[in-house]
Amino acid sequence: MTAVISGRAWVFGDNVNTDVMAPGLYFKSPMSAMAKHCMEAVNPDFASQVQPGDIVVGGKNFGIGSAREQAAMALQYLGVGAVLAPSFGRIFYRNTLNFGIPALRLPADMIIEAGDQLHVEPETGRIRNESRGTACAAPALPPHLLQMVTAGGLMPYLKARLAKENRDGR
């Protein structure tokens, strides 16, 4: 269903708050402006250097805090290919999926350092660290969420589903 996501790892610690991903100071700005400040409080180079397909690796409770969908939107705008963490803030986890970014629960024993080259397979949960020659299995995304992520997120998924139902006369 989805292809392998390959990119460089951007590693962040435990308890990274959604306020760090989408600073409130920029809420009235367009997403292009807000995204420039994504993660600047913990890594000032992130927004300017992240490349499409790169993979964000968080620590425990990644995405805790405010229930702001702009955190996932900023990552999507920057082209982040996937988010991995041992645990997520519940609403942030769902928002990443809603914006078409696969989020997988990273096993605690998997060692990933900043700059490592990763390959992530959301359909199987397989994560390979090519830089270290290691791999692990994370819980795969359930089929219904995988379909939504593959479609580009919740809204594109619903639009395509509605269009299909209209074509099929349902």
Protein backbone atom coordinates (compact mmCIF):
# COMPACT_ATOMS: atom_id res chain seq x y z
CA MET A 1 0.00 0.00 0.00
CA THR A 2 2.54 2.62 1.06
CA ALA A 3 6.08 2.75 -0.10
CA VAL A 4 9.09 2.65 2.13
CA ILE A 5 9.85 6.04 3.63
CA SER A 6 13.56 6.80 3.56
CA GLY A 7 15.24 9.76 5.14
CA ARG A 8 17.61 11.21 7.64
CA ALA A 9 16.74 10.99 11.33
CA TRP A 10 16.06 14.13 13.31
CA VAL A 11 16.20 13.07 16.96
CA PHE A 12 14.43 14.87 19.79
CA GLY A 13 14.11 14.03 23.48
CA ASP A 14 11.30 13.17 25.83
CA ASN A 15 8.24 15.34 26.41
CA VAL A 16 8.56 17.53 23.31
CA ASN A 17 5.49 19.71 23.44
CA THR A 18 3.27 20.68 20.50
CA ASP A 19 4.00 24.31 21.44
CA VAL A 20 7.59 23.66 20.28
CA MET A 21 6.36 22.34 16.93
CA ALA A 22 3.86 25.14 16.36
CA PRO A 23 4.79 28.18 18.47
CA GLY A 24 1.74 30.18 19.52
CA LEU A 25 3.44 33.43 18.55
CA TYR A 26 2.90 32.50 14.88
CA PHE A 27 -0.72 31.28 15.03
CA LYS A 28 -2.04 34.21 13.02
CA SER A 29 0.65 33.74 10.38
CA PRO A 30 0.33 31.50 7.33
CA MET A 31 1.62 27.94 7.72
CA SER A 32 4.65 28.85 5.61
CA ALA A 33 5.72 31.27 8.36
CA MET A 34 4.81 29.01 11.28
CA ALA A 35 6.68 26.05 9.80
CA LYS A 36 9.88 28.12 9.69
CA HIS A 37 9.78 28.10 13.50
CA CYS A 38 8.92 24.41 13.97
CA MET A 39 11.18 22.91 16.67
CA GLU A 40 13.36 26.03 16.87
CA ALA A 41 13.30 25.95 20.68
CA VAL A 42 15.02 22.53 20.69
CA ASN A 43 16.85 22.59 17.33
CA PRO A 44 17.07 25.96 15.59
CA ASP A 45 18.32 24.31 12.36
CA PHE A 46 15.46 21.83 11.98
CA ALA A 47 13.01 23.83 9.86
CA SER A 48 15.64 25.19 7.51
CA GLN A 49 17.49 21.90 7.03
CA VAL A 50 14.87 19.14 7.15
CA GLN A 51 14.37 17.54 3.74
CA PRO A 52 11.23 15.91 2.29
CA GLY A 53 11.05 12.34 3.55
CA ASP A 54 13.23 12.93 6.61
CA ILE A 55 12.05 11.18 9.74
CA VAL A 56 11.40 12.76 13.13
CA VAL A 57 12.36 10.52 16.04
CA GLY A 58 10.96 11.60 19.36
CA GLY A 59 11.34 10.40 22.90
CA LYS A 60 8.62 9.44 25.34
CA ASN A 61 5.43 11.50 25.25
CA PHE A 62 6.30 13.09 21.93
CA GLY A 63 3.70 15.72 21.06
CA ILE A 64 2.28 16.26 24.53
CA GLY A 65 0.62 19.52 25.44
CA SER A 66 -1.87 21.61 23.54
CA ALA A 67 -4.27 19.88 21.18
CA ARG A 68 -3.09 21.98 18.26
CA GLU A 69 -3.31 20.41 14.86
CA GLN A 70 -0.84 23.03 13.62
CA ALA A 71 1.99 20.92 15.10
CA ALA A 72 1.25 18.09 12.65
CA MET A 73 0.50 20.61 9.89
CA ALA A 74 3.94 22.20 10.32
CA LEU A 75 5.63 18.79 10.02
CA GLN A 76 3.54 18.01 6.94
CA TYR A 77 4.38 21.39 5.39
CA LEU A 78 8.09 20.69 5.91
CA GLY A 79 7.73 17.30 4.19
CA VAL A 80 8.44 15.05 7.17
CA GLY A 81 7.97 11.47 5.97
CA ALA A 82 7.23 9.76 9.29
CA VAL A 83 7.32 10.28 13.04
CA LEU A 84 8.69 7.60 15.37
CA ALA A 85 8.57 7.64 19.16
CA PRO A 86 8.12 5.18 22.03
CA SER A 87 4.95 7.03 23.04
CA PHE A 88 2.94 10.00 21.80
CA GLY A 89 0.59 12.60 23.09
CA ARG A 90 -2.76 11.06 22.14
CA ILE A 91 -4.15 13.95 20.11
CA PHE A 92 -0.83 14.67 18.39
CA TYR A 93 -0.60 11.01 17.35
CA ARG A 94 -4.01 11.16 15.70
CA ASN A 95 -3.30 14.56 14.13
CA THR A 96 -0.15 13.24 12.43
CA LEU A 97 -2.22 10.49 10.83
CA ASN A 98 -4.99 12.95 9.94
CA PHE A 99 -2.41 14.97 8.02
CA GLY A 100 -1.00 11.95 6.22
CA ILE A 101 2.15 11.42 8.27
CA PRO A 102 2.71 7.85 9.47
CA ALA A 103 3.39 7.72 13.22
CA LEU A 104 4.85 4.49 14.58
CA ARG A 105 5.62 3.48 18.15
CA LEU A 106 9.37 2.93 18.26
CA PRO A 107 10.61 0.06 20.42
CA ALA A 108 12.64 1.44 23.33
CA ASP A 109 15.70 -0.66 22.50
CA MET A 110 16.15 0.74 18.97
CA ILE A 111 19.12 3.11 18.89
CA ILE A 112 18.80 6.00 16.45
CA GLU A 113 21.05 9.03 16.42
CA ALA A 114 20.67 12.32 14.59
CA GLY A 115 21.63 11.95 10.94
CA ASP A 116 21.16 8.18 10.76
CA GLN A 117 19.62 7.01 7.48
CA LEU A 118 16.30 5.26 8.19
CA HIS A 119 13.83 3.21 6.17
CA VAL A 120 10.31 2.93 7.57
CA GLU A 121 7.58 0.60 6.32
CA PRO A 122 4.28 1.75 7.88
CA GLU A 123 2.40 -1.23 6.45
CA THR A 124 4.58 -3.80 8.23
CA GLY A 125 6.04 -1.67 11.02
CA ARG A 126 9.58 -2.55 10.00
CA ILE A 127 12.15 0.14 10.75
CA ARG A 128 15.71 -0.20 9.47
CA ASN A 129 18.62 1.95 10.52
CA GLU A 130 20.91 1.69 7.51
CA SER A 131 23.63 3.72 9.25
CA ARG A 132 23.93 1.15 12.04
CA GLY A 133 22.82 -2.01 10.25
CA THR A 134 20.00 -2.61 12.73
CA ALA A 135 16.26 -3.16 12.40
CA CYS A 136 13.22 -3.50 14.61
CA ALA A 137 9.52 -4.14 14.35
CA ALA A 138 7.10 -1.50 15.53
CA PRO A 139 3.35 -2.10 15.59
CA ALA A 140 2.15 -1.60 12.01
CA LEU A 141 -0.54 0.94 11.26
CA PRO A 142 -3.98 -0.68 11.17
CA PRO A 143 -5.35 -1.04 7.62
CA HIS A 144 -7.98 1.71 7.98
CA LEU A 145 -5.38 4.22 9.20
CA LEU A 146 -2.91 3.10 6.56
CA GLN A 147 -5.53 3.80 3.87
CA MET A 148 -6.05 7.27 5.29
CA VAL A 149 -2.31 8.05 5.46
CA THR A 150 -1.78 6.67 1.94
CA ALA A 151 -4.51 8.99 0.66
CA GLY A 152 -2.63 11.96 2.13
CA GLY A 153 -4.64 12.32 5.33
CA LEU A 154 -8.20 12.40 6.58
CA MET A 155 -9.61 15.09 4.28
CA PRO A 156 -8.17 13.69 1.02
CA TYR A 157 -9.29 10.21 2.12
CA LEU A 158 -12.86 11.38 2.81
CA LYS A 159 -13.04 13.35 -0.45
CA ALA A 160 -11.93 10.32 -2.46
CA ARG A 161 -14.32 8.03 -0.59
CA LEU A 162 -17.24 10.41 -1.14
CA ALA A 163 -16.40 10.77 -4.83
CA LYS A 164 -16.30 6.97 -5.19
CA GLU A 165 -19.63 6.58 -3.41
CA ASN A 166 -21.16 9.22 -5.71
CA ARG A 167 -19.80 7.41 -8.79
CA ASP A 168 -21.08 4.09 -7.51
CA GLY A 169 -24.53 5.56 -6.84
CA ARG A 170 -24.59 4.93 -3.10
